[in-house]
C-alpha atoms as a PDB file:
ATOM      1  CA  MET A   1      11.536  -4.438 -30.855  1.00  0.00           C
ATOM      2  CA  LYS A   2       9.013  -5.188 -28.125  1.00  0.00           C
ATOM      3  CA  THR A   3       7.017  -2.245 -26.788  1.00  0.00           C
ATOM      4  CA  ILE A   4       5.913  -2.147 -23.142  1.00  0.00           C
ATOM      5  CA  GLY A   5       3.479   0.235 -21.474  1.00  0.00           C
ATOM      6  CA  ILE A   6       3.478   1.124 -17.780  1.00  0.00           C
ATOM      7  CA  LEU A   7       0.924   2.830 -15.548  1.00  0.00           C
ATOM      8  CA  THR A   8       0.225   3.451 -11.861  1.00  0.00           C
ATOM      9  CA  SER A   9      -3.322   3.253 -10.595  1.00  0.00           C
ATOM     10  CA  GLY A  10      -5.353   3.727  -7.417  1.00  0.00           C
ATOM     11  CA  GLY A  11      -3.857   5.101  -4.223  1.00  0.00           C
ATOM     12  CA  ASP A  12      -0.221   6.124  -4.549  1.00  0.00           C
ATOM     13  CA  ALA A  13       2.484   4.470  -2.459  1.00  0.00           C
ATOM     14  CA  PRO A  14       6.123   5.375  -1.711  1.00  0.00           C
ATOM     15  CA  GLY A  15       8.333   3.266  -3.951  1.00  0.00           C
ATOM     16  CA  MET A  16       6.159   3.446  -7.052  1.00  0.00           C
ATOM     17  CA  ASN A  17       8.774   5.655  -8.711  1.00  0.00           C
ATOM     18  CA  ALA A  18      11.470   3.108  -7.942  1.00  0.00           C
ATOM     19  CA  ALA A  19       9.330   0.455  -9.652  1.00  0.00           C
ATOM     20  CA  ILE A  20       8.751   2.709 -12.683  1.00  0.00           C
ATOM     21  CA  ARG A  21      12.494   3.299 -12.907  1.00  0.00           C
ATOM     22  CA  ALA A  22      13.231  -0.422 -12.741  1.00  0.00           C
ATOM     23  CA  VAL A  23      10.688  -1.277 -15.447  1.00  0.00           C
ATOM     24  CA  VAL A  24      11.854   1.465 -17.819  1.00  0.00           C
ATOM     25  CA  ARG A  25      15.580   0.868 -17.406  1.00  0.00           C
ATOM     26  CA  SER A  26      15.436  -2.929 -17.519  1.00  0.00           C
ATOM     27  CA  ALA A  27      13.142  -2.823 -20.559  1.00  0.00           C
ATOM     28  CA  ILE A  28      15.529  -0.492 -22.397  1.00  0.00           C
ATOM     29  CA  TYR A  29      18.458  -2.686 -21.361  1.00  0.00           C
ATOM     30  CA  TYR A  30      16.725  -5.630 -23.021  1.00  0.00           C
ATOM     31  CA  GLY A  31      16.128  -3.602 -26.182  1.00  0.00           C
ATOM     32  CA  CYS A  32      12.477  -2.651 -25.648  1.00  0.00           C
ATOM     33  CA  LYS A  33      10.626   0.594 -26.185  1.00  0.00           C
ATOM     34  CA  VAL A  34       8.638   1.920 -23.207  1.00  0.00           C
ATOM     35  CA  TYR A  35       5.575   4.158 -23.036  1.00  0.00           C
ATOM     36  CA  GLY A  36       4.422   5.746 -19.805  1.00  0.00           C
ATOM     37  CA  ILE A  37       0.670   6.142 -19.373  1.00  0.00           C
ATOM     38  CA  ASN A  38      -0.219   9.104 -17.179  1.00  0.00           C
ATOM     39  CA  ARG A  39      -3.099   9.050 -14.658  1.00  0.00           C
ATOM     40  CA  GLY A  40      -3.704   5.301 -14.749  1.00  0.00           C
ATOM     41  CA  TYR A  41      -6.556   3.744 -16.705  1.00  0.00           C
ATOM     42  CA  LYS A  42      -8.155   7.171 -17.104  1.00  0.00           C
ATOM     43  CA  GLY A  43      -5.067   8.425 -18.929  1.00  0.00           C
ATOM     44  CA  LEU A  44      -5.065   5.269 -21.046  1.00  0.00           C
ATOM     45  CA  ILE A  45      -8.578   5.911 -22.299  1.00  0.00           C
ATOM     46  CA  GLU A  46      -7.769   9.599 -22.869  1.00  0.00           C
ATOM     47  CA  GLU A  47      -4.477   8.762 -24.667  1.00  0.00           C
ATOM     48  CA  ASP A  48      -2.296  10.611 -22.155  1.00  0.00           C
ATOM     49  CA  ILE A  49       0.764   8.614 -23.205  1.00  0.00           C
ATOM     50  CA  ILE A  50       4.450   9.523 -23.514  1.00  0.00           C
ATOM     51  CA  GLU A  51       7.500   7.620 -24.690  1.00  0.00           C
ATOM     52  CA  MET A  52      10.012   7.138 -21.890  1.00  0.00           C
ATOM     53  CA  ASN A  53      13.799   6.928 -21.980  1.00  0.00           C
ATOM     54  CA  LEU A  54      16.625   6.589 -19.472  1.00  0.00           C
ATOM     55  CA  SER A  55      16.466  10.288 -18.618  1.00  0.00           C
ATOM     56  CA  SER A  56      12.719  10.051 -17.943  1.00  0.00           C
ATOM     57  CA  VAL A  57      13.444   8.075 -14.793  1.00  0.00           C
ATOM     58  CA  GLY A  58      16.636   9.803 -13.678  1.00  0.00           C
ATOM     59  CA  ASP A  59      16.759  10.869 -10.021  1.00  0.00           C
ATOM     60  CA  ILE A  60      13.368   9.465  -9.098  1.00  0.00           C
ATOM     61  CA  ILE A  61      14.253   6.392  -7.014  1.00  0.00           C
ATOM     62  CA  HIS A  62      14.176   8.488  -3.829  1.00  0.00           C
ATOM     63  CA  ARG A  63      10.980  10.385  -4.609  1.00  0.00           C
ATOM     64  CA  GLY A  64       7.592   9.587  -3.116  1.00  0.00           C
ATOM     65  CA  GLY A  65       4.375   9.499  -5.132  1.00  0.00           C
ATOM     66  CA  THR A  66       4.417   8.560  -8.805  1.00  0.00           C
ATOM     67  CA  ILE A  67       5.753  10.595 -11.722  1.00  0.00           C
ATOM     68  CA  LEU A  68       3.076   8.972 -13.906  1.00  0.00           C
ATOM     69  CA  LYS A  69       0.339  10.314 -11.614  1.00  0.00           C
ATOM     70  CA  SER A  70      -2.618   8.217 -10.562  1.00  0.00           C
ATOM     71  CA  SER A  71      -6.390   8.320 -10.623  1.00  0.00           C
ATOM     72  CA  ARG A  72      -9.451   6.134 -10.405  1.00  0.00           C
ATOM     73  CA  CYS A  73     -11.505   5.470 -13.518  1.00  0.00           C
ATOM     74  CA  GLU A  74     -15.124   4.353 -13.464  1.00  0.00           C
ATOM     75  CA  GLU A  75     -15.241   4.129 -17.262  1.00  0.00           C
ATOM     76  CA  PHE A  76     -12.572   1.434 -17.319  1.00  0.00           C
ATOM     77  CA  LYS A  77     -14.828  -0.760 -15.168  1.00  0.00           C
ATOM     78  CA  THR A  78     -17.162  -1.087 -18.163  1.00  0.00           C
ATOM     79  CA  GLU A  79     -16.618  -3.389 -21.146  1.00  0.00           C
ATOM     80  CA  GLU A  80     -16.803  -0.396 -23.467  1.00  0.00           C
ATOM     81  CA  GLY A  81     -14.119   1.442 -21.498  1.00  0.00           C
ATOM     82  CA  ARG A  82     -11.763  -1.531 -21.475  1.00  0.00           C
ATOM     83  CA  SER A  83     -12.246  -2.133 -25.206  1.00  0.00           C
ATOM     84  CA  LYS A  84     -11.399   1.519 -25.791  1.00  0.00           C
ATOM     85  CA  GLY A  85      -8.271   1.092 -23.675  1.00  0.00           C
ATOM     86  CA  VAL A  86      -7.103  -1.901 -25.723  1.00  0.00           C
ATOM     87  CA  LYS A  87      -7.623   0.046 -28.941  1.00  0.00           C
ATOM     88  CA  VAL A  88      -5.469   2.887 -27.606  1.00  0.00           C
ATOM     89  CA  LEU A  89      -2.718   0.451 -26.605  1.00  0.00           C
ATOM     90  CA  LYS A  90      -2.705  -1.087 -30.072  1.00  0.00           C
ATOM     91  CA  LYS A  91      -2.766   2.363 -31.680  1.00  0.00           C
ATOM     92  CA  TYR A  92       0.525   3.206 -29.958  1.00  0.00           C
ATOM     93  CA  GLY A  93       1.999  -0.185 -30.786  1.00  0.00           C
ATOM     94  CA  ILE A  94       2.113  -1.192 -27.124  1.00  0.00           C
ATOM     95  CA  GLU A  95       2.230  -4.987 -26.949  1.00  0.00           C
ATOM     96  CA  SER A  96       2.116  -5.550 -23.176  1.00  0.00           C
ATOM     97  CA  LEU A  97       1.404  -3.607 -20.003  1.00  0.00           C
ATOM     98  CA  VAL A  98       2.845  -3.340 -16.491  1.00  0.00           C
ATOM     99  CA  VAL A  99       0.311  -2.167 -13.901  1.00  0.00           C
ATOM    100  CA  ILE A 100       1.493  -0.893 -10.504  1.00  0.00           C
ATOM    101  CA  GLY A 101      -1.215  -0.673  -7.846  1.00  0.00           C
ATOM    102  CA  GLY A 102      -3.493  -2.574  -5.498  1.00  0.00           C
ATOM    103  CA  ASP A 103      -6.300  -5.076  -5.949  1.00  0.00           C
ATOM    104  CA  GLY A 104      -8.497  -2.671  -7.917  1.00  0.00           C
ATOM    105  CA  SER A 105      -5.659  -1.989 -10.349  1.00  0.00           C
ATOM    106  CA  PHE A 106      -5.030  -5.724 -10.617  1.00  0.00           C
ATOM    107  CA  ASN A 107      -8.681  -6.287 -11.471  1.00  0.00           C
ATOM    108  CA  GLY A 108      -8.160  -3.959 -14.430  1.00  0.00           C
ATOM    109  CA  ALA A 109      -5.048  -5.893 -15.495  1.00  0.00           C
ATOM    110  CA  GLN A 110      -7.018  -9.136 -15.199  1.00  0.00           C
ATOM    111  CA  LYS A 111      -9.760  -7.779 -17.447  1.00  0.00           C
ATOM    112  CA  LEU A 112      -7.177  -6.753 -20.037  1.00  0.00           C
ATOM    113  CA  SER A 113      -5.747 -10.273 -19.933  1.00  0.00           C
ATOM    114  CA  ASP A 114      -9.261 -11.622 -20.485  1.00  0.00           C
ATOM    115  CA  LEU A 115      -9.343  -9.558 -23.680  1.00  0.00           C
ATOM    116  CA  GLY A 116      -6.105 -11.178 -24.793  1.00  0.00           C
ATOM    117  CA  PHE A 117      -3.833  -8.260 -23.922  1.00  0.00           C
ATOM    118  CA  PRO A 118      -0.700  -9.288 -21.948  1.00  0.00           C
ATOM    119  CA  ALA A 119      -0.520  -7.601 -18.535  1.00  0.00           C
ATOM    120  CA  ILE A 120       1.636  -8.012 -15.418  1.00  0.00           C
ATOM    121  CA  GLY A 121       0.827  -6.554 -11.980  1.00  0.00           C
ATOM    122  CA  ILE A 122       3.264  -5.107  -9.433  1.00  0.00           C
ATOM    123  CA  PRO A 123       1.806  -4.607  -5.920  1.00  0.00           C
ATOM    124  CA  GLY A 124       1.942  -0.948  -4.900  1.00  0.00           C
ATOM    125  CA  THR A 125      -0.216  -0.131  -1.870  1.00  0.00           C
ATOM    126  CA  ILE A 126       0.604   0.971   1.672  1.00  0.00           C
ATOM    127  CA  ASP A 127      -2.110  -1.281   3.153  1.00  0.00           C
ATOM    128  CA  ASN A 128      -0.195  -4.549   2.531  1.00  0.00           C
ATOM    129  CA  ASP A 129      -3.572  -6.148   1.824  1.00  0.00           C
ATOM    130  CA  LEU A 130      -2.676  -8.525  -1.027  1.00  0.00           C
ATOM    131  CA  ALA A 131      -2.587 -12.040   0.391  1.00  0.00           C
ATOM    132  CA  TYR A 132      -0.269 -13.631  -2.167  1.00  0.00           C
ATOM    133  CA  THR A 133       2.767 -11.503  -1.242  1.00  0.00           C
ATOM    134  CA  ASP A 134       4.505 -10.923   2.088  1.00  0.00           C
ATOM    135  CA  TYR A 135       4.958  -7.221   1.364  1.00  0.00           C
ATOM    136  CA  THR A 136       3.589  -4.614  -1.012  1.00  0.00           C
ATOM    137  CA  ILE A 137       5.554  -1.588  -2.201  1.00  0.00           C
ATOM    138  CA  GLY A 138       4.969   1.339   0.158  1.00  0.00           C
ATOM    139  CA  PHE A 139       4.005  -0.614   3.264  1.00  0.00           C
ATOM    140  CA  ASP A 140       7.400  -0.360   4.950  1.00  0.00           C
ATOM    141  CA  THR A 141       7.675   3.391   4.343  1.00  0.00           C
ATOM    142  CA  ALA A 142       4.141   4.059   5.604  1.00  0.00           C
ATOM    143  CA  MET A 143       4.773   1.924   8.679  1.00  0.00           C
ATOM    144  CA  ASN A 144       7.905   3.941   9.488  1.00  0.00           C
ATOM    145  CA  THR A 145       5.978   7.187   8.986  1.00  0.00           C
ATOM    146  CA  ILE A 146       3.446   5.986  11.563  1.00  0.00           C
ATOM    147  CA  ILE A 147       6.190   4.894  13.976  1.00  0.00           C
ATOM    148  CA  ASP A 148       7.761   8.359  13.764  1.00  0.00           C
ATOM    149  CA  ALA A 149       4.363   9.940  14.452  1.00  0.00           C
ATOM    150  CA  ILE A 150       3.771   7.655  17.440  1.00  0.00           C
ATOM    151  CA  GLY A 151       7.129   8.696  18.881  1.00  0.00           C
ATOM    152  CA  ASN A 152       6.385  12.399  18.454  1.00  0.00           C
ATOM    153  CA  ILE A 153       2.900  12.099  19.905  1.00  0.00           C
ATOM    154  CA  ARG A 154       4.176  10.019  22.827  1.00  0.00           C
ATOM    155  CA  ASP A 155       6.532  12.863  23.783  1.00  0.00           C
ATOM    156  CA  THR A 156       3.724  15.376  24.210  1.00  0.00           C
ATOM    157  CA  SER A 157       1.344  12.730  25.572  1.00  0.00           C
ATOM    158  CA  SER A 158       3.824  11.947  28.337  1.00  0.00           C
ATOM    159  CA  SER A 159       4.321  15.626  29.158  1.00  0.00           C
ATOM    160  CA  HIS A 160       0.586  16.227  29.595  1.00  0.00           C
ATOM    161  CA  GLU A 161      -0.299  12.751  30.934  1.00  0.00           C
ATOM    162  CA  ARG A 162      -2.806  12.182  28.156  1.00  0.00           C
ATOM    163  CA  VAL A 163      -4.322   9.274  26.294  1.00  0.00           C
ATOM    164  CA  ASN A 164      -3.900   9.564  22.524  1.00  0.00           C
ATOM    165  CA  ILE A 165      -5.818   7.716  19.833  1.00  0.00           C
ATOM    166  CA  ILE A 166      -3.841   7.605  16.584  1.00  0.00           C
ATOM    167  CA  GLU A 167      -5.944   6.619  13.569  1.00  0.00           C
ATOM    168  CA  VAL A 168      -4.021   5.028  10.706  1.00  0.00           C
ATOM    169  CA  MET A 169      -4.973   3.766   7.263  1.00  0.00           C
ATOM    170  CA  GLY A 170      -6.193   0.215   6.719  1.00  0.00           C
ATOM    171  CA  ARG A 171      -9.860  -0.126   5.810  1.00  0.00           C
ATOM    172  CA  HIS A 172      -9.916  -3.911   5.600  1.00  0.00           C
ATOM    173  CA  CYS A 173      -6.373  -4.827   6.635  1.00  0.00           C
ATOM    174  CA  GLY A 174      -4.841  -3.975  10.009  1.00  0.00           C
ATOM    175  CA  ASP A 175      -1.181  -4.580   9.140  1.00  0.00           C
ATOM    176  CA  LEU A 176      -0.167  -0.923   9.397  1.00  0.00           C
ATOM    177  CA  ALA A 177      -1.803  -0.562  12.806  1.00  0.00           C
ATOM    178  CA  LEU A 178      -0.482  -3.901  14.056  1.00  0.00           C
ATOM    179  CA  TYR A 179       3.182  -3.620  13.115  1.00  0.00           C
ATOM    180  CA  ALA A 180       3.516   0.123  13.702  1.00  0.00           C
ATOM    181  CA  GLY A 181       1.736  -0.320  17.024  1.00  0.00           C
ATOM    182  CA  LEU A 182       4.156  -3.055  18.048  1.00  0.00           C
ATOM    183  CA  ALA A 183       7.245  -1.109  16.958  1.00  0.00           C
ATOM    184  CA  GLY A 184       5.933   2.113  18.477  1.00  0.00           C
ATOM    185  CA  GLY A 185       5.139   0.554  21.847  1.00  0.00           C
ATOM    186  CA  ALA A 186       1.397   1.262  21.712  1.00  0.00           C
ATOM    187  CA  GLU A 187      -0.580   0.127  24.742  1.00  0.00           C
ATOM    188  CA  THR A 188      -3.576  -0.859  22.596  1.00  0.00           C
ATOM    189  CA  VAL A 189      -3.886  -1.800  18.912  1.00  0.00           C
ATOM    190  CA  ILE A 190      -7.336  -2.042  17.320  1.00  0.00           C
ATOM    191  CA  VAL A 191      -7.656  -3.734  13.923  1.00  0.00           C
ATOM    192  CA  PRO A 192     -10.590  -4.770  11.681  1.00  0.00           C
ATOM    193  CA  GLU A 193      -9.646  -8.462  11.846  1.00  0.00           C
ATOM    194  CA  VAL A 194     -10.275  -8.746  15.609  1.00  0.00           C
ATOM    195  CA  ASP A 195     -13.431  -7.761  17.497  1.00  0.00           C
ATOM    196  CA  PHE A 196     -12.815  -5.433  20.408  1.00  0.00           C
ATOM    197  CA  LYS A 197     -14.786  -4.067  23.349  1.00  0.00           C
ATOM    198  CA  VAL A 198     -14.487  -0.526  24.624  1.00  0.00           C
ATOM    199  CA  GLU A 199     -14.610  -1.981  28.138  1.00  0.00           C
ATOM    200  CA  ASP A 200     -11.425  -3.940  27.498  1.00  0.00           C
ATOM    201  CA  VAL A 201      -9.635  -0.823  26.239  1.00  0.00           C
ATOM    202  CA  CYS A 202     -10.722   1.098  29.335  1.00  0.00           C
ATOM    203  CA  LYS A 203      -9.675  -1.745  31.619  1.00  0.00           C
ATOM    204  CA  ARG A 204      -6.191  -1.723  30.096  1.00  0.00           C
ATOM    205  CA  LEU A 205      -5.962   2.045  30.585  1.00  0.00           C
ATOM    206  CA  LYS A 206      -6.922   1.752  34.243  1.00  0.00           C
ATOM    207  CA  THR A 207      -4.394  -1.038  34.747  1.00  0.00           C
ATOM    208  CA  THR A 208      -1.549   1.087  33.397  1.00  0.00           C
ATOM    209  CA  GLN A 209      -2.715   4.064  35.462  1.00  0.00           C
ATOM    210  CA  LYS A 210      -2.615   1.982  38.659  1.00  0.00           C
ATOM    211  CA  ARG A 211       1.075   1.296  38.145  1.00  0.00           C
ATOM    212  CA  GLY A 212       1.724   5.013  37.733  1.00  0.00           C
ATOM    213  CA  LYS A 213       1.673   5.402  33.972  1.00  0.00           C
ATOM    214  CA  ARG A 214      -0.589   8.337  33.169  1.00  0.00           C
ATOM    215  CA  HIS A 215      -0.173   8.452  29.372  1.00  0.00           C
ATOM    216  CA  SER A 216      -1.164   5.873  26.786  1.00  0.00           C
ATOM    217  CA  ILE A 217      -1.141   5.345  23.009  1.00  0.00           C
ATOM    218  CA  ILE A 218      -4.024   3.635  21.212  1.00  0.00           C
ATOM    219  CA  VAL A 219      -3.465   2.818  17.524  1.00  0.00           C
ATOM    220  CA  LEU A 220      -6.724   2.440  15.602  1.00  0.00           C
ATOM    221  CA  ALA A 221      -7.067   1.159  12.028  1.00  0.00           C
ATOM    222  CA  GLU A 222      -9.565   3.322  10.115  1.00  0.00           C
ATOM    223  CA  GLY A 223     -11.644   0.310   9.081  1.00  0.00           C
ATOM    224  CA  VAL A 224     -12.696  -0.418  12.655  1.00  0.00           C
ATOM    225  CA  GLY A 225     -14.751   2.679  13.287  1.00  0.00           C
ATOM    226  CA  ASN A 226     -14.787   6.362  14.126  1.00  0.00           C
ATOM    227  CA  ALA A 227     -11.936   7.562  16.337  1.00  0.00           C
ATOM    228  CA  GLN A 228     -14.027  10.446  17.668  1.00  0.00           C
ATOM    229  CA  GLU A 229     -16.794   8.113  18.848  1.00  0.00           C
ATOM    230  CA  LEU A 230     -14.295   5.759  20.464  1.00  0.00           C
ATOM    231  CA  GLY A 231     -12.630   8.685  22.217  1.00  0.00           C
ATOM    232  CA  GLU A 232     -15.936   9.933  23.623  1.00  0.00           C
ATOM    233  CA  LYS A 233     -16.751   6.476  25.017  1.00  0.00           C
ATOM    234  CA  ILE A 234     -13.339   6.197  26.675  1.00  0.00           C
ATOM    235  CA  ILE A 235     -13.660   9.661  28.239  1.00  0.00           C
ATOM    236  CA  GLU A 236     -17.150   8.797  29.489  1.00  0.00           C
ATOM    237  CA  ARG A 237     -15.921   5.594  31.159  1.00  0.00           C
ATOM    238  CA  THR A 238     -12.524   6.709  32.463  1.00  0.00           C
ATOM    239  CA  GLY A 239     -12.494  10.501  32.602  1.00  0.00           C
ATOM    240  CA  ALA A 240      -9.185  10.451  30.737  1.00  0.00           C
ATOM    241  CA  ASP A 241      -7.653  13.566  29.211  1.00  0.00           C
ATOM    242  CA  LEU A 242      -7.746  12.295  25.621  1.00  0.00           C
ATOM    243  CA  ARG A 243      -6.669  13.597  22.231  1.00  0.00           C
ATOM    244  CA  ILE A 244      -7.170  12.197  18.717  1.00  0.00           C
ATOM    245  CA  THR A 245      -4.740  12.323  15.812  1.00  0.00           C
ATOM    246  CA  VAL A 246      -5.836  11.165  12.347  1.00  0.00           C
ATOM    247  CA  LEU A 247      -2.643  10.702  10.340  1.00  0.00           C
ATOM    248  CA  GLY A 248      -4.457  10.618   7.003  1.00  0.00           C
ATOM    249  CA  HIS A 249      -2.581  11.052   3.737  1.00  0.00           C
ATOM    250  CA  VAL A 250       0.761  11.842   5.358  1.00  0.00           C
ATOM    251  CA  GLN A 251       1.100   8.032   5.406  1.00  0.00           C
ATOM    252  CA  ARG A 252       1.167   7.900   1.609  1.00  0.00           C
ATOM    253  CA  GLY A 253       3.891  10.475   1.149  1.00  0.00           C
ATOM    254  CA  GLY A 254       7.577  10.792   1.834  1.00  0.00           C
ATOM    255  CA  SER A 255      10.777   9.367   0.427  1.00  0.00           C
ATOM    256  CA  PRO A 256      10.550   5.559   0.237  1.00  0.00           C
ATOM    257  CA  SER A 257      12.571   3.497   2.684  1.00  0.00           C
ATOM    258  CA  ALA A 258      15.589   1.503   1.524  1.00  0.00           C
ATOM    259  CA  PHE A 259      13.462  -1.642   1.836  1.00  0.00           C
ATOM    260  CA  ASP A 260      10.767  -0.272  -0.487  1.00  0.00           C
ATOM    261  CA  ARG A 261      13.310   1.003  -3.024  1.00  0.00           C
ATOM    262  CA  ILE A 262      15.001  -2.393  -3.210  1.00  0.00           C
ATOM    263  CA  LEU A 263      11.697  -4.292  -3.271  1.00  0.00           C
ATOM    264  CA  ALA A 264      10.320  -2.091  -6.056  1.00  0.00           C
ATOM    265  CA  SER A 265      13.500  -2.452  -8.096  1.00  0.00           C
ATOM    266  CA  ARG A 266      13.495  -6.239  -7.817  1.00  0.00           C
ATOM    267  CA  MET A 267       9.815  -6.481  -8.711  1.00  0.00           C
ATOM    268  CA  GLY A 268      10.120  -4.086 -11.660  1.00  0.00           C
ATOM    269  CA  VAL A 269      12.907  -6.055 -13.303  1.00  0.00           C
ATOM    270  CA  HIS A 270      11.088  -9.342 -12.757  1.00  0.00           C
ATOM    271  CA  ALA A 271       7.902  -7.973 -14.355  1.00  0.00           C
ATOM    272  CA  VAL A 272       9.804  -7.033 -17.522  1.00  0.00           C
ATOM    273  CA  GLU A 273      11.502 -10.420 -17.661  1.00  0.00           C
ATOM    274  CA  LEU A 274       8.108 -12.153 -17.410  1.00  0.00           C
ATOM    275  CA  LEU A 275       6.804 -10.180 -20.383  1.00  0.00           C
ATOM    276  CA  LEU A 276       9.913 -10.958 -22.411  1.00  0.00           C
ATOM    277  CA  GLU A 277       9.298 -14.643 -21.685  1.00  0.00           C
ATOM    278  CA  GLY A 278       5.849 -14.242 -23.224  1.00  0.00           C
ATOM    279  CA  LYS A 279       3.986 -14.584 -19.940  1.00  0.00           C
ATOM    280  CA  SER A 280       0.799 -12.724 -19.095  1.00  0.00           C
ATOM    281  CA  ALA A 281      -1.931 -12.498 -16.451  1.00  0.00           C
ATOM    282  CA  LYS A 282       0.702 -12.653 -13.708  1.00  0.00           C
ATOM    283  CA  VAL A 283       1.395 -10.639 -10.578  1.00  0.00           C
ATOM    284  CA  VAL A 284       4.809 -10.192  -8.991  1.00  0.00           C
ATOM    285  CA  GLY A 285       5.334 -10.606  -5.255  1.00  0.00           C
ATOM    286  CA  ILE A 286       7.814 -11.589  -2.569  1.00  0.00           C
ATOM    287  CA  LYS A 287       7.795 -14.677  -0.353  1.00  0.00           C
ATOM    288  CA  ASN A 288      10.548 -15.497   2.138  1.00  0.00           C
ATOM    289  CA  ASN A 289      12.665 -12.740   0.560  1.00  0.00           C
ATOM    290  CA  LYS A 290      12.449 -14.338  -2.889  1.00  0.00           C
ATOM    291  CA  ILE A 291      10.719 -12.591  -5.803  1.00  0.00           C
ATOM    292  CA  ILE A 292       7.877 -14.748  -7.060  1.00  0.00           C
ATOM    293  CA  ASP A 293       5.106 -14.524  -9.633  1.00  0.00           C
ATOM    294  CA  MET A 294       1.635 -15.984  -9.557  1.00  0.00           C
ATOM    295  CA  ASP A 295      -1.401 -16.298 -11.769  1.00  0.00           C
ATOM    296  CA  ILE A 296      -3.417 -13.103 -11.318  1.00  0.00           C
ATOM    297  CA  TYR A 297      -6.711 -14.972 -10.928  1.00  0.00           C
ATOM    298  CA  GLU A 298      -5.265 -17.173  -8.196  1.00  0.00           C
ATOM    299  CA  ALA A 299      -3.642 -14.219  -6.432  1.00  0.00           C
ATOM    300  CA  LEU A 300      -6.834 -12.145  -6.327  1.00  0.00           C
ATOM    301  CA  ALA A 301      -8.818 -15.126  -5.037  1.00  0.00           C
ATOM    302  CA  MET A 302      -6.522 -15.647  -2.043  1.00  0.00           C
ATOM    303  CA  GLU A 303      -7.805 -14.558   1.359  1.00  0.00           C
ATOM    304  CA  SER A 304      -5.523 -12.696   3.732  1.00  0.00           C
ATOM    305  CA  THR A 305      -4.413 -14.426   6.923  1.00  0.00           C
ATOM    306  CA  PHE A 306      -4.141 -12.146   9.933  1.00  0.00           C
ATOM    307  CA  ASP A 307      -0.973 -12.382  12.027  1.00  0.00           C
ATOM    308  CA  GLU A 308      -2.644 -13.428  15.279  1.00  0.00           C
ATOM    309  CA  GLU A 309       0.685 -14.371  16.860  1.00  0.00           C
ATOM    310  CA  THR A 310       1.986 -10.797  16.573  1.00  0.00           C
ATOM    311  CA  TYR A 311      -1.358  -9.424  17.755  1.00  0.00           C
ATOM    312  CA  GLU A 312      -1.132 -11.547  20.898  1.00  0.00           C
ATOM    313  CA  MET A 313       2.463 -10.380  21.351  1.00  0.00           C
ATOM    314  CA  VAL A 314       1.297  -6.767  21.351  1.00  0.00           C
ATOM    315  CA  LYS A 315      -1.134  -7.562  24.157  1.00  0.00           C
ATOM    316  CA  ILE A 316       1.556  -9.378  26.147  1.00  0.00           C
ATOM    317  CA  LEU A 317       4.030  -6.522  25.831  1.00  0.00           C
ATOM    318  CA  SER A 318       1.490  -3.826  26.716  1.00  0.00           C
ATOM    319  CA  ILE A 319       0.682  -5.065  30.220  1.00  0.00           C
END
């Protein structure tokens, strides 16, 4: 009987539980034993490990967060920490590992593969910042959370004729700001991939005001800069009545969307099937609505391509 371990690491994302469920249930279906590792690589080193069964993942597909918890672990970034982790895995008879997380989590899986321990990565991050896959688990849910917030803020913004800056997550990747901004009808979207000038933002505000529109939504990705500083510059140049909303960790929570539940389920099953085929050092993804897998080294080396066409569309539609 093959024994598979599973952990979630780094920032949590809606849909992680659906992926855990898919891994556990498909592994058991194929006759494997499954161990859940709590609190990511930190829990691995500290032997916070439990055997999982069908009941362990009952009624979790709709739940946000991760039942296995998550954390960041500096010790695992050292050779000594990783060697300790491999010893713990072997102690429990775990022969392969499924890691759900972002690029940092994948780096850990890559290091385990370097040590000869089979590992497969499933992309779970709301930022959608892994270049090899069209979508990561959690992105769709977070985007819809932002769209809902934009709609609510627009209601009060319209009533008081205010400008609102809405800061969203995305330190190095502006996908959340871009697509939520487009779907939410934002007048301005500011992302880390494209340089912007405060003067251009102010000019757009004045243009909309001239045609009688007194309220405006600006969506700002956190990686661009400080929303407070941007707001002060806009007020100084335009005299606008302006408010700032930082959505923060509300973007990571909530019940996963149908898209994320289905995506996570498909990826989880594929990860188990890869391990049963004897494959390692792979990451699972989706391209053109087909589940794919790729060498983890190749995937991590890929550079993201920004969707300039959609960015230009946002500007066209916000005139």
